[in-house]
Amino acid sequence: MANTLAKEAILSVNSKPLIAVPSTDIKSLFRSRIVASWQRKWDTHPSHLRKIQPSVTTRLPLPSTRQGQVLISRLRLEHSRLTHAYLFSLDKVPPQCTKCKSVLTVEHILLHCTTFQQNRIRWSLPPSLTEVLGDLPAVEKLLQFLTTAGLLQLI
């Protein structure tokens, strides 16, 4: 009885036609599933960078200089010496803007602070973080803004 079932199982496997699938199709399928899984994780992960880069497949442009790349990366992650140095102090109190009295954040400095309003206008910075930190021409203007505002060394 067992031999008969085994023979039938072997014959049934051999009787089904095999379909040749190109390896490129298989790679494409795996790649799309991996990217979809990665995107789902990215969508649920709390990150400031997700505001600027909503998709895992898009690459944000970086300036050509290493210093510019470091500065822009810090700003995109919303971590700078100016906004996060308090974490290394004993009191652990976030810094406040001296003029606006609001919590000092990258977004506040780049978009809202009245102290830097004239510099933002001078360098024609876009009105959103996505544009300021995601577009290469705007990133180049941002580096000029940081230099003239005296913020370059504080980032």
Protein backbone atom coordinates (compact mmCIF):
# COMPACT_ATOMS: atom_id res chain seq x y z
CA MET A 1 0.00 0.00 0.00
CA ALA A 2 2.78 2.43 0.94
CA ASN A 3 4.75 1.58 -2.20
CA THR A 4 1.72 2.24 -4.35
CA LEU A 5 1.10 5.64 -2.74
CA ALA A 6 4.76 6.56 -3.15
CA LYS A 7 4.75 5.59 -6.83
CA GLU A 8 1.56 7.59 -7.42
CA ALA A 9 3.09 10.62 -5.72
CA ILE A 10 6.21 10.40 -7.87
CA LEU A 11 4.18 10.01 -11.04
CA SER A 12 1.91 12.94 -10.17
CA VAL A 13 4.92 15.21 -9.65
CA ASN A 14 6.45 14.18 -12.94
CA SER A 15 3.20 14.56 -14.84
CA LYS A 16 2.86 18.30 -14.12
CA PRO A 17 4.57 20.44 -16.74
CA LEU A 18 7.42 22.62 -15.51
CA ILE A 19 7.27 26.24 -16.54
CA ALA A 20 10.59 27.94 -17.13
CA VAL A 21 10.72 31.32 -15.42
CA PRO A 22 13.55 33.68 -16.34
CA SER A 23 15.86 34.52 -13.45
CA THR A 24 15.35 38.23 -14.14
CA ASP A 25 11.62 37.82 -13.40
CA ILE A 26 12.40 36.06 -10.13
CA LYS A 27 14.92 38.75 -9.15
CA SER A 28 12.42 41.46 -10.01
CA LEU A 29 9.72 39.81 -7.90
CA PHE A 30 12.04 39.43 -4.90
CA ARG A 31 13.31 42.99 -5.26
CA SER A 32 9.79 44.45 -5.37
CA ARG A 33 8.74 42.43 -2.32
CA ILE A 34 11.83 43.50 -0.38
CA VAL A 35 11.25 47.17 -1.28
CA ALA A 36 7.57 46.90 -0.28
CA SER A 37 8.54 45.38 3.07
CA TRP A 38 11.19 48.05 3.58
CA GLN A 39 8.66 50.79 2.74
CA ARG A 40 6.12 49.40 5.25
CA LYS A 41 8.78 49.49 7.98
CA TRP A 42 9.84 53.01 6.94
CA ASP A 43 6.22 54.23 7.05
CA THR A 44 5.76 53.04 10.64
CA HIS A 45 9.17 54.13 11.95
CA PRO A 46 9.19 57.51 13.73
CA SER A 47 11.78 59.56 11.87
CA HIS A 48 12.22 63.21 11.02
CA LEU A 49 13.86 62.15 7.78
CA ARG A 50 10.59 60.59 6.59
CA LYS A 51 9.09 64.11 6.31
CA ILE A 52 11.70 64.90 3.68
CA GLN A 53 12.11 61.46 2.12
CA PRO A 54 8.73 59.66 2.18
CA SER A 55 9.85 56.87 -0.15
CA VAL A 56 12.73 54.45 0.42
CA THR A 57 13.43 54.28 -3.30
CA THR A 58 14.20 57.97 -3.80
CA ARG A 59 17.66 59.25 -3.03
CA LEU A 60 18.03 62.76 -1.71
CA PRO A 61 20.70 64.87 -3.41
CA LEU A 62 23.78 65.89 -1.45
CA PRO A 63 26.21 68.77 -1.95
CA SER A 64 29.54 67.95 -3.57
CA THR A 65 31.71 68.80 -0.54
CA ARG A 66 32.09 66.49 2.44
CA GLN A 67 31.38 69.34 4.89
CA GLY A 68 28.18 70.20 3.03
CA GLN A 69 27.11 66.55 3.05
CA VAL A 70 27.64 66.29 6.83
CA LEU A 71 25.74 69.53 7.51
CA ILE A 72 22.77 68.62 5.32
CA SER A 73 22.62 65.10 6.76
CA ARG A 74 22.53 66.49 10.30
CA LEU A 75 19.77 68.92 9.38
CA ARG A 76 17.73 66.21 7.64
CA LEU A 77 17.94 64.07 10.77
CA GLU A 78 17.13 67.18 12.87
CA HIS A 79 20.21 66.66 15.03
CA SER A 80 22.67 69.50 15.35
CA ARG A 81 24.97 70.85 18.03
CA LEU A 82 22.72 73.87 18.38
CA THR A 83 19.51 71.90 18.94
CA HIS A 84 20.80 68.79 20.73
CA ALA A 85 23.87 69.82 22.77
CA TYR A 86 21.63 69.98 25.85
CA LEU A 87 21.49 66.16 25.87
CA PHE A 88 25.10 66.18 27.10
CA SER A 89 24.41 68.66 29.91
CA LEU A 90 23.18 67.89 33.40
CA ASP A 91 19.87 69.77 33.25
CA LYS A 92 18.63 68.13 29.98
CA VAL A 93 16.44 71.13 29.15
CA PRO A 94 15.97 71.76 25.41
CA PRO A 95 17.22 75.19 24.28
CA GLN A 96 14.77 77.96 23.52
CA CYS A 97 14.98 80.58 20.84
CA THR A 98 16.04 83.82 22.53
CA LYS A 99 13.76 85.92 20.33
CA CYS A 100 10.70 83.69 19.82
CA LYS A 101 10.85 81.79 23.14
CA SER A 102 9.90 78.55 21.36
CA VAL A 103 11.87 75.30 21.47
CA LEU A 104 14.89 75.55 19.20
CA THR A 105 14.53 72.99 16.41
CA VAL A 106 15.94 72.70 12.91
CA GLU A 107 12.49 73.43 11.50
CA HIS A 108 12.16 76.55 13.67
CA ILE A 109 15.54 77.89 12.55
CA LEU A 110 15.08 77.15 8.84
CA LEU A 111 11.42 78.16 8.46
CA HIS A 112 9.94 80.16 11.32
CA CYS A 113 12.46 82.11 13.43
CA THR A 114 12.15 85.85 12.93
CA THR A 115 15.85 86.28 13.78
CA PHE A 116 16.79 84.69 10.46
CA GLN A 117 13.88 85.99 8.36
CA GLN A 118 15.98 88.48 6.36
CA ASN A 119 18.60 85.85 5.57
CA ARG A 120 15.90 83.41 4.43
CA ILE A 121 14.50 86.08 2.11
CA ARG A 122 17.99 87.02 0.87
CA TRP A 123 18.76 83.43 -0.12
CA SER A 124 15.19 82.70 -1.36
CA LEU A 125 14.78 79.60 0.77
CA PRO A 126 11.63 77.58 0.01
CA PRO A 127 8.87 77.63 2.66
CA SER A 128 8.90 73.90 3.53
CA LEU A 129 11.43 71.50 5.01
CA THR A 130 10.81 69.06 2.18
CA GLU A 131 11.92 71.65 -0.37
CA VAL A 132 14.73 73.22 1.68
CA LEU A 133 16.38 69.90 2.52
CA GLY A 134 15.30 67.81 -0.46
CA ASP A 135 16.10 69.90 -3.53
CA LEU A 136 19.76 70.34 -4.56
CA PRO A 137 19.55 74.02 -5.62
CA ALA A 138 17.75 74.79 -2.34
CA VAL A 139 20.37 72.82 -0.40
CA GLU A 140 23.12 74.94 -1.97
CA LYS A 141 21.20 78.11 -0.99
CA LEU A 142 20.73 76.68 2.50
CA LEU A 143 24.50 76.31 2.95
CA GLN A 144 24.90 79.98 1.97
CA PHE A 145 22.12 80.90 4.41
CA LEU A 146 23.84 79.01 7.24
CA THR A 147 27.13 80.74 6.48
CA THR A 148 25.73 84.29 6.43
CA ALA A 149 23.54 83.64 9.49
CA GLY A 150 26.59 82.48 11.45
CA LEU A 151 25.09 79.04 12.04
CA LEU A 152 27.52 76.91 10.07
CA GLN A 153 29.73 76.05 13.05
CA LEU A 154 26.70 75.38 15.29
CA ILE A 155 25.30 72.59 13.13
